[in-house]
PDB file of N, CA and C in Angstrom:
ATOM      1  N   MET A   1       0.772  -1.284   0.182  1.00  0.00           N
ATOM      2  CA  MET A   1       0.076   0.060   0.009  1.00  0.00           C
ATOM      3  C   MET A   1       0.936   1.260   0.085  1.00  0.00           C
ATOM      4  N   LYS A   2       0.606   2.231  -0.877  1.00  0.00           N
ATOM      5  CA  LYS A   2       1.226   3.542  -0.753  1.00  0.00           C
ATOM      6  C   LYS A   2       0.499   4.481   0.060  1.00  0.00           C
ATOM      7  N   VAL A   3       1.292   4.952   1.175  1.00  0.00           N
ATOM      8  CA  VAL A   3       0.669   5.724   2.235  1.00  0.00           C
ATOM      9  C   VAL A   3       1.316   7.069   2.389  1.00  0.00           C
ATOM     10  N   LEU A   4       0.512   8.136   2.303  1.00  0.00           N
ATOM     11  CA  LEU A   4       1.139   9.444   2.792  1.00  0.00           C
ATOM     12  C   LEU A   4       0.674   9.804   4.238  1.00  0.00           C
ATOM     13  N   ILE A   5       1.613  10.185   4.994  1.00  0.00           N
ATOM     14  CA  ILE A   5       1.340  10.566   6.310  1.00  0.00           C
ATOM     15  C   ILE A   5       1.705  12.103   6.370  1.00  0.00           C
ATOM     16  N   LEU A   6       0.737  12.843   6.861  1.00  0.00           N
ATOM     17  CA  LEU A   6       1.053  14.378   7.073  1.00  0.00           C
ATOM     18  C   LEU A   6       1.435  14.342   8.486  1.00  0.00           C
ATOM     19  N   GLY A   7       2.636  14.415   8.624  1.00  0.00           N
ATOM     20  CA  GLY A   7       3.448  14.224   9.990  1.00  0.00           C
ATOM     21  C   GLY A   7       3.925  15.557  10.836  1.00  0.00           C
ATOM     22  N   GLY A   8       4.560  15.191  11.640  1.00  0.00           N
ATOM     23  CA  GLY A   8       5.196  16.308  12.596  1.00  0.00           C
ATOM     24  C   GLY A   8       4.956  15.964  14.033  1.00  0.00           C
ATOM     25  N   THR A   9       4.513  14.674  14.352  1.00  0.00           N
ATOM     26  CA  THR A   9       4.128  14.425  15.568  1.00  0.00           C
ATOM     27  C   THR A   9       4.927  13.121  15.778  1.00  0.00           C
ATOM     28  N   THR A  10       5.031  12.646  17.222  1.00  0.00           N
ATOM     29  CA  THR A  10       5.511  11.321  17.492  1.00  0.00           C
ATOM     30  C   THR A  10       4.836  10.195  16.967  1.00  0.00           C
ATOM     31  N   GLU A  11       3.394  10.416  17.023  1.00  0.00           N
ATOM     32  CA  GLU A  11       2.637   9.510  16.482  1.00  0.00           C
ATOM     33  C   GLU A  11       2.746   9.166  15.024  1.00  0.00           C
ATOM     34  N   ALA A  12       2.930  10.258  14.269  1.00  0.00           N
ATOM     35  CA  ALA A  12       3.296  10.232  12.983  1.00  0.00           C
ATOM     36  C   ALA A  12       4.570   9.446  12.624  1.00  0.00           C
ATOM     37  N   ARG A  13       5.499   9.562  13.359  1.00  0.00           N
ATOM     38  CA  ARG A  13       6.827   8.827  13.207  1.00  0.00           C
ATOM     39  C   ARG A  13       6.554   7.456  13.570  1.00  0.00           C
ATOM     40  N   GLU A  14       5.963   7.167  14.658  1.00  0.00           N
ATOM     41  CA  GLU A  14       5.604   5.626  15.035  1.00  0.00           C
ATOM     42  C   GLU A  14       4.689   4.850  13.933  1.00  0.00           C
ATOM     43  N   LEU A  15       3.960   5.716  13.372  1.00  0.00           N
ATOM     44  CA  LEU A  15       2.974   5.108  12.207  1.00  0.00           C
ATOM     45  C   LEU A  15       3.988   4.922  10.989  1.00  0.00           C
ATOM     46  N   ALA A  16       4.818   5.731  10.704  1.00  0.00           N
ATOM     47  CA  ALA A  16       5.630   5.649   9.593  1.00  0.00           C
ATOM     48  C   ALA A  16       6.609   4.411   9.745  1.00  0.00           C
ATOM     49  N   GLU A  17       7.078   4.268  10.976  1.00  0.00           N
ATOM     50  CA  GLU A  17       7.822   3.141  11.259  1.00  0.00           C
ATOM     51  C   GLU A  17       7.169   1.740  11.093  1.00  0.00           C
ATOM     52  N   ALA A  18       5.982   1.767  11.786  1.00  0.00           N
ATOM     53  CA  ALA A  18       5.213   0.582  11.600  1.00  0.00           C
ATOM     54  C   ALA A  18       4.857   0.067  10.304  1.00  0.00           C
ATOM     55  N   LEU A  19       4.409   0.943   9.474  1.00  0.00           N
ATOM     56  CA  LEU A  19       3.962   0.866   8.038  1.00  0.00           C
ATOM     57  C   LEU A  19       5.095   0.468   7.297  1.00  0.00           C
ATOM     58  N   HIS A  20       6.246   1.017   7.476  1.00  0.00           N
ATOM     59  CA  HIS A  20       7.414   0.717   6.564  1.00  0.00           C
ATOM     60  C   HIS A  20       7.856  -0.559   6.952  1.00  0.00           C
ATOM     61  N   ALA A  21       7.920  -1.092   8.276  1.00  0.00           N
ATOM     62  CA  ALA A  21       8.323  -2.301   8.709  1.00  0.00           C
ATOM     63  C   ALA A  21       7.381  -3.396   8.083  1.00  0.00           C
ATOM     64  N   ARG A  22       6.015  -3.259   7.780  1.00  0.00           N
ATOM     65  CA  ARG A  22       5.300  -4.275   7.266  1.00  0.00           C
ATOM     66  C   ARG A  22       5.410  -4.201   5.700  1.00  0.00           C
ATOM     67  N   GLY A  23       6.178  -3.393   5.036  1.00  0.00           N
ATOM     68  CA  GLY A  23       6.400  -3.330   3.692  1.00  0.00           C
ATOM     69  C   GLY A  23       5.516  -2.352   2.789  1.00  0.00           C
ATOM     70  N   ASP A  24       4.792  -1.442   3.545  1.00  0.00           N
ATOM     71  CA  ASP A  24       4.070  -0.309   2.758  1.00  0.00           C
ATOM     72  C   ASP A  24       5.225   0.615   2.300  1.00  0.00           C
ATOM     73  N   THR A  25       4.789   1.268   1.274  1.00  0.00           N
ATOM     74  CA  THR A  25       5.597   2.388   0.693  1.00  0.00           C
ATOM     75  C   THR A  25       5.051   3.619   1.461  1.00  0.00           C
ATOM     76  N   VAL A  26       5.919   4.428   2.190  1.00  0.00           N
ATOM     77  CA  VAL A  26       5.499   5.347   3.183  1.00  0.00           C
ATOM     78  C   VAL A  26       6.179   6.642   2.806  1.00  0.00           C
ATOM     79  N   THR A  27       5.470   7.725   2.568  1.00  0.00           N
ATOM     80  CA  THR A  27       5.880   9.128   2.435  1.00  0.00           C
ATOM     81  C   THR A  27       5.395   9.877   3.590  1.00  0.00           C
ATOM     82  N   THR A  28       6.241  10.639   4.151  1.00  0.00           N
ATOM     83  CA  THR A  28       5.924  11.548   5.345  1.00  0.00           C
ATOM     84  C   THR A  28       6.033  12.943   4.840  1.00  0.00           C
ATOM     85  N   SER A  29       4.955  13.773   4.950  1.00  0.00           N
ATOM     86  CA  SER A  29       5.151  15.227   4.405  1.00  0.00           C
ATOM     87  C   SER A  29       5.300  16.105   5.768  1.00  0.00           C
ATOM     88  N   LEU A  30       6.141  16.876   5.869  1.00  0.00           N
ATOM     89  CA  LEU A  30       6.503  17.744   6.918  1.00  0.00           C
ATOM     90  C   LEU A  30       6.419  19.318   6.655  1.00  0.00           C
ATOM     91  N   ALA A  31       6.059  20.256   7.665  1.00  0.00           N
ATOM     92  CA  ALA A  31       6.150  21.423   7.434  1.00  0.00           C
ATOM     93  C   ALA A  31       7.391  21.881   7.478  1.00  0.00           C
ATOM     94  N   GLY A  32       8.597  21.118   7.977  1.00  0.00           N
ATOM     95  CA  GLY A  32       9.894  21.636   7.947  1.00  0.00           C
ATOM     96  C   GLY A  32      10.381  21.932   9.370  1.00  0.00           C
ATOM     97  N   ARG A  33       9.742  21.468  10.388  1.00  0.00           N
ATOM     98  CA  ARG A  33      10.083  21.672  11.630  1.00  0.00           C
ATOM     99  C   ARG A  33      10.587  20.438  12.398  1.00  0.00           C
ATOM    100  N   THR A  34      10.637  19.314  11.682  1.00  0.00           N
ATOM    101  CA  THR A  34      10.785  17.891  12.351  1.00  0.00           C
ATOM    102  C   THR A  34      12.102  17.471  11.467  1.00  0.00           C
ATOM    103  N   ASP A  35      13.155  16.808  12.206  1.00  0.00           N
ATOM    104  CA  ASP A  35      14.191  16.106  11.470  1.00  0.00           C
ATOM    105  C   ASP A  35      13.956  15.050  10.615  1.00  0.00           C
ATOM    106  N   PRO A  36      13.760  15.141   9.384  1.00  0.00           N
ATOM    107  CA  PRO A  36      13.391  14.153   8.379  1.00  0.00           C
ATOM    108  C   PRO A  36      14.400  12.800   8.476  1.00  0.00           C
ATOM    109  N   ALA A  37      15.656  13.037   8.961  1.00  0.00           N
ATOM    110  CA  ALA A  37      16.677  11.988   9.043  1.00  0.00           C
ATOM    111  C   ALA A  37      16.192  10.713   9.875  1.00  0.00           C
ATOM    112  N   GLU A  38      15.297  10.921  10.796  1.00  0.00           N
ATOM    113  CA  GLU A  38      14.764   9.875  11.733  1.00  0.00           C
ATOM    114  C   GLU A  38      13.564   9.046  11.129  1.00  0.00           C
ATOM    115  N   LEU A  39      13.045   9.656   9.966  1.00  0.00           N
ATOM    116  CA  LEU A  39      11.723   8.932   9.418  1.00  0.00           C
ATOM    117  C   LEU A  39      12.260   7.904   8.266  1.00  0.00           C
ATOM    118  N   PRO A  40      11.596   6.710   8.454  1.00  0.00           N
ATOM    119  CA  PRO A  40      11.738   5.892   7.287  1.00  0.00           C
ATOM    120  C   PRO A  40      10.859   6.065   6.070  1.00  0.00           C
ATOM    121  N   GLY A  41      11.274   5.544   5.001  1.00  0.00           N
ATOM    122  CA  GLY A  41      10.426   5.876   3.711  1.00  0.00           C
ATOM    123  C   GLY A  41      11.080   7.161   3.098  1.00  0.00           C
ATOM    124  N   THR A  42      10.205   7.903   2.334  1.00  0.00           N
ATOM    125  CA  THR A  42      10.588   9.021   1.807  1.00  0.00           C
ATOM    126  C   THR A  42       9.983  10.215   2.529  1.00  0.00           C
ATOM    127  N   THR A  43      10.611  11.269   2.537  1.00  0.00           N
ATOM    128  CA  THR A  43      10.223  12.516   3.419  1.00  0.00           C
ATOM    129  C   THR A  43      10.207  13.641   2.412  1.00  0.00           C
ATOM    130  N   ARG A  44       9.143  14.602   2.581  1.00  0.00           N
ATOM    131  CA  ARG A  44       9.027  15.707   1.674  1.00  0.00           C
ATOM    132  C   ARG A  44       8.554  16.910   2.659  1.00  0.00           C
ATOM    133  N   ILE A  45       9.224  17.929   2.351  1.00  0.00           N
ATOM    134  CA  ILE A  45       8.853  19.206   2.982  1.00  0.00           C
ATOM    135  C   ILE A  45       8.039  20.221   2.365  1.00  0.00           C
ATOM    136  N   GLY A  46       7.039  20.571   3.089  1.00  0.00           N
ATOM    137  CA  GLY A  46       6.163  21.711   2.603  1.00  0.00           C
ATOM    138  C   GLY A  46       5.345  21.406   1.300  1.00  0.00           C
ATOM    139  N   SER A  47       5.033  20.136   0.953  1.00  0.00           N
ATOM    140  CA  SER A  47       4.185  19.932  -0.072  1.00  0.00           C
ATOM    141  C   SER A  47       2.614  19.617   0.433  1.00  0.00           C
ATOM    142  N   SER A  48       1.722  20.028  -0.221  1.00  0.00           N
ATOM    143  CA  SER A  48       0.341  19.636   0.129  1.00  0.00           C
ATOM    144  C   SER A  48      -0.391  18.835  -0.967  1.00  0.00           C
ATOM    145  N   ASP A  49       0.514  18.232  -1.918  1.00  0.00           N
ATOM    146  CA  ASP A  49      -0.074  17.444  -3.012  1.00  0.00           C
ATOM    147  C   ASP A  49      -0.464  16.047  -2.258  1.00  0.00           C
ATOM    148  N   LEU A  50      -1.733  15.759  -2.247  1.00  0.00           N
ATOM    149  CA  LEU A  50      -2.388  14.503  -1.705  1.00  0.00           C
ATOM    150  C   LEU A  50      -2.646  13.419  -2.651  1.00  0.00           C
ATOM    151  N   SER A  51      -2.394  13.667  -3.917  1.00  0.00           N
ATOM    152  CA  SER A  51      -2.593  12.814  -5.072  1.00  0.00           C
ATOM    153  C   SER A  51      -1.670  11.459  -5.187  1.00  0.00           C
ATOM    154  N   GLY A  52      -2.153  10.482  -5.654  1.00  0.00           N
ATOM    155  CA  GLY A  52      -1.356   9.381  -5.980  1.00  0.00           C
ATOM    156  C   GLY A  52      -1.167   8.323  -4.813  1.00  0.00           C
ATOM    157  N   PHE A  53      -1.859   8.393  -3.802  1.00  0.00           N
ATOM    158  CA  PHE A  53      -1.635   7.535  -2.603  1.00  0.00           C
ATOM    159  C   PHE A  53      -2.761   6.708  -2.433  1.00  0.00           C
ATOM    160  N   ASP A  54      -2.675   5.510  -1.890  1.00  0.00           N
ATOM    161  CA  ASP A  54      -3.879   4.590  -1.567  1.00  0.00           C
ATOM    162  C   ASP A  54      -4.491   5.114  -0.346  1.00  0.00           C
ATOM    163  N   ALA A  55      -3.864   5.745   0.630  1.00  0.00           N
ATOM    164  CA  ALA A  55      -4.243   6.198   1.848  1.00  0.00           C
ATOM    165  C   ALA A  55      -3.597   7.412   2.397  1.00  0.00           C
ATOM    166  N   VAL A  56      -4.254   8.414   2.855  1.00  0.00           N
ATOM    167  CA  VAL A  56      -3.717   9.650   3.409  1.00  0.00           C
ATOM    168  C   VAL A  56      -4.056   9.722   5.065  1.00  0.00           C
ATOM    169  N   VAL A  57      -3.041   9.881   5.814  1.00  0.00           N
ATOM    170  CA  VAL A  57      -3.321   9.887   7.208  1.00  0.00           C
ATOM    171  C   VAL A  57      -2.814  11.294   7.700  1.00  0.00           C
ATOM    172  N   ASP A  58      -3.787  12.054   8.276  1.00  0.00           N
ATOM    173  CA  ASP A  58      -3.583  13.249   8.947  1.00  0.00           C
ATOM    174  C   ASP A  58      -2.907  13.135  10.213  1.00  0.00           C
ATOM    175  N   ALA A  59      -1.763  13.124  10.588  1.00  0.00           N
ATOM    176  CA  ALA A  59      -1.101  12.943  11.942  1.00  0.00           C
ATOM    177  C   ALA A  59      -0.360  14.278  12.435  1.00  0.00           C
ATOM    178  N   THR A  60      -1.018  15.290  11.910  1.00  0.00           N
ATOM    179  CA  THR A  60      -0.420  16.623  12.268  1.00  0.00           C
ATOM    180  C   THR A  60      -0.762  17.005  13.783  1.00  0.00           C
ATOM    181  N   HIS A  61      -0.123  18.075  14.078  1.00  0.00           N
ATOM    182  CA  HIS A  61      -0.550  18.541  15.518  1.00  0.00           C
ATOM    183  C   HIS A  61      -2.020  19.207  15.332  1.00  0.00           C
ATOM    184  N   PRO A  62      -2.840  19.274  16.358  1.00  0.00           N
ATOM    185  CA  PRO A  62      -4.160  19.641  16.323  1.00  0.00           C
ATOM    186  C   PRO A  62      -4.142  21.157  15.872  1.00  0.00           C
ATOM    187  N   PHE A  63      -3.166  21.981  16.179  1.00  0.00           N
ATOM    188  CA  PHE A  63      -3.191  23.381  15.681  1.00  0.00           C
ATOM    189  C   PHE A  63      -2.845  23.627  14.298  1.00  0.00           C
ATOM    190  N   ALA A  64      -2.461  22.473  13.540  1.00  0.00           N
ATOM    191  CA  ALA A  64      -2.049  22.440  12.045  1.00  0.00           C
ATOM    192  C   ALA A  64      -3.412  22.543  11.259  1.00  0.00           C
ATOM    193  N   THR A  65      -4.264  23.489  11.315  1.00  0.00           N
ATOM    194  CA  THR A  65      -5.419  23.543  10.588  1.00  0.00           C
ATOM    195  C   THR A  65      -5.406  23.781   9.200  1.00  0.00           C
ATOM    196  N   ARG A  66      -4.507  24.635   8.623  1.00  0.00           N
ATOM    197  CA  ARG A  66      -4.430  24.695   7.148  1.00  0.00           C
ATOM    198  C   ARG A  66      -4.284  23.443   6.395  1.00  0.00           C
ATOM    199  N   ILE A  67      -3.371  22.566   6.932  1.00  0.00           N
ATOM    200  CA  ILE A  67      -3.170  21.300   6.204  1.00  0.00           C
ATOM    201  C   ILE A  67      -4.154  20.487   6.419  1.00  0.00           C
ATOM    202  N   SER A  68      -4.739  20.321   7.639  1.00  0.00           N
ATOM    203  CA  SER A  68      -5.871  19.446   7.878  1.00  0.00           C
ATOM    204  C   SER A  68      -7.012  19.704   7.188  1.00  0.00           C
ATOM    205  N   ASP A  69      -7.203  21.069   6.948  1.00  0.00           N
ATOM    206  CA  ASP A  69      -8.389  21.487   6.164  1.00  0.00           C
ATOM    207  C   ASP A  69      -8.222  20.879   4.638  1.00  0.00           C
ATOM    208  N   LYS A  70      -6.914  20.947   4.249  1.00  0.00           N
ATOM    209  CA  LYS A  70      -6.699  20.358   2.719  1.00  0.00           C
ATOM    210  C   LYS A  70      -6.828  18.854   2.754  1.00  0.00           C
ATOM    211  N   ALA A  71      -6.746  18.301   4.000  1.00  0.00           N
ATOM    212  CA  ALA A  71      -6.679  16.857   3.878  1.00  0.00           C
ATOM    213  C   ALA A  71      -8.119  16.396   4.245  1.00  0.00           C
ATOM    214  N   ALA A  72      -9.070  17.015   4.212  1.00  0.00           N
ATOM    215  CA  ALA A  72     -10.429  16.682   4.578  1.00  0.00           C
ATOM    216  C   ALA A  72     -10.904  15.228   3.861  1.00  0.00           C
ATOM    217  N   GLY A  73     -11.278  14.390   4.641  1.00  0.00           N
ATOM    218  CA  GLY A  73     -11.484  13.094   4.318  1.00  0.00           C
ATOM    219  C   GLY A  73     -10.522  12.107   4.546  1.00  0.00           C
ATOM    220  N   ALA A  74      -9.262  12.758   4.938  1.00  0.00           N
ATOM    221  CA  ALA A  74      -8.217  11.586   5.241  1.00  0.00           C
ATOM    222  C   ALA A  74      -8.396  11.141   6.588  1.00  0.00           C
ATOM    223  N   LEU A  75      -7.870   9.963   6.766  1.00  0.00           N
ATOM    224  CA  LEU A  75      -7.797   9.323   8.129  1.00  0.00           C
ATOM    225  C   LEU A  75      -7.237  10.249   9.098  1.00  0.00           C
ATOM    226  N   ARG A  76      -7.666  10.525  10.172  1.00  0.00           N
ATOM    227  CA  ARG A  76      -7.156  11.374  11.329  1.00  0.00           C
ATOM    228  C   ARG A  76      -6.583  10.639  12.433  1.00  0.00           C
ATOM    229  N   LEU A  77      -5.304  10.719  12.695  1.00  0.00           N
ATOM    230  CA  LEU A  77      -4.605  10.030  14.001  1.00  0.00           C
ATOM    231  C   LEU A  77      -4.466  11.059  15.022  1.00  0.00           C
ATOM    232  N   GLU A  78      -5.151  10.828  16.165  1.00  0.00           N
ATOM    233  CA  GLU A  78      -4.917  11.754  17.286  1.00  0.00           C
ATOM    234  C   GLU A  78      -4.517  11.126  18.564  1.00  0.00           C
ATOM    235  N   ARG A  79      -3.804  11.750  19.224  1.00  0.00           N
ATOM    236  CA  ARG A  79      -3.314  11.199  20.474  1.00  0.00           C
ATOM    237  C   ARG A  79      -4.628  11.390  21.506  1.00  0.00           C
ATOM    238  N   PRO A  80      -4.572  10.552  22.517  1.00  0.00           N
ATOM    239  CA  PRO A  80      -5.673  10.894  23.623  1.00  0.00           C
ATOM    240  C   PRO A  80      -5.396  12.222  24.314  1.00  0.00           C
ATOM    241  N   GLY A  81      -6.530  12.811  24.702  1.00  0.00           N
ATOM    242  CA  GLY A  81      -6.431  13.910  25.624  1.00  0.00           C
ATOM    243  C   GLY A  81      -5.680  13.813  26.943  1.00  0.00           C
ATOM    244  N   TRP A  82      -5.327  14.965  27.405  1.00  0.00           N
ATOM    245  CA  TRP A  82      -4.644  14.857  28.681  1.00  0.00           C
ATOM    246  C   TRP A  82      -5.559  14.492  29.801  1.00  0.00           C
ATOM    247  N   GLU A  83      -5.397  13.683  30.607  1.00  0.00           N
ATOM    248  CA  GLU A  83      -6.145  13.436  31.800  1.00  0.00           C
ATOM    249  C   GLU A  83      -5.323  13.812  33.066  1.00  0.00           C
ATOM    250  N   PRO A  84      -6.076  14.644  33.959  1.00  0.00           N
ATOM    251  CA  PRO A  84      -5.243  14.980  35.247  1.00  0.00           C
ATOM    252  C   PRO A  84      -4.879  13.602  35.975  1.00  0.00           C
ATOM    253  N   GLN A  85      -3.743  13.657  36.722  1.00  0.00           N
ATOM    254  CA  GLN A  85      -3.289  12.608  37.500  1.00  0.00           C
ATOM    255  C   GLN A  85      -3.071  13.120  38.800  1.00  0.00           C
ATOM    256  N   PRO A  86      -3.172  12.223  39.760  1.00  0.00           N
ATOM    257  CA  PRO A  86      -2.678  12.758  41.120  1.00  0.00           C
ATOM    258  C   PRO A  86      -1.358  13.364  41.140  1.00  0.00           C
ATOM    259  N   GLY A  87      -1.274  14.636  41.880  1.00  0.00           N
ATOM    260  CA  GLY A  87      -0.053  15.278  41.941  1.00  0.00           C
ATOM    261  C   GLY A  87       0.181  16.394  40.787  1.00  0.00           C
ATOM    262  N   ASP A  88      -0.737  16.380  39.831  1.00  0.00           N
ATOM    263  CA  ASP A  88      -0.662  17.440  38.883  1.00  0.00           C
ATOM    264  C   ASP A  88      -1.020  18.837  39.288  1.00  0.00           C
TER     265      ASP A  88
END
């Protein structure tokens, strides 16, 4: 499967690693604030072209609304919300 991950989060990196390990073709698109040397597969900076992929996963930060708006209809990967713990 050819997957585009709109990244920049820890979860995006972990997803890229897992998909790459199972043999998928992974491209991670970054805004340019993350070190691409740590990502498996192909990395691109600053591109919003979502065409040519079997799946698009929006794993950007919640405040990255411009790219998320362009990726309407993509799968959305979100981390669980913060829950107060004793001592917080």
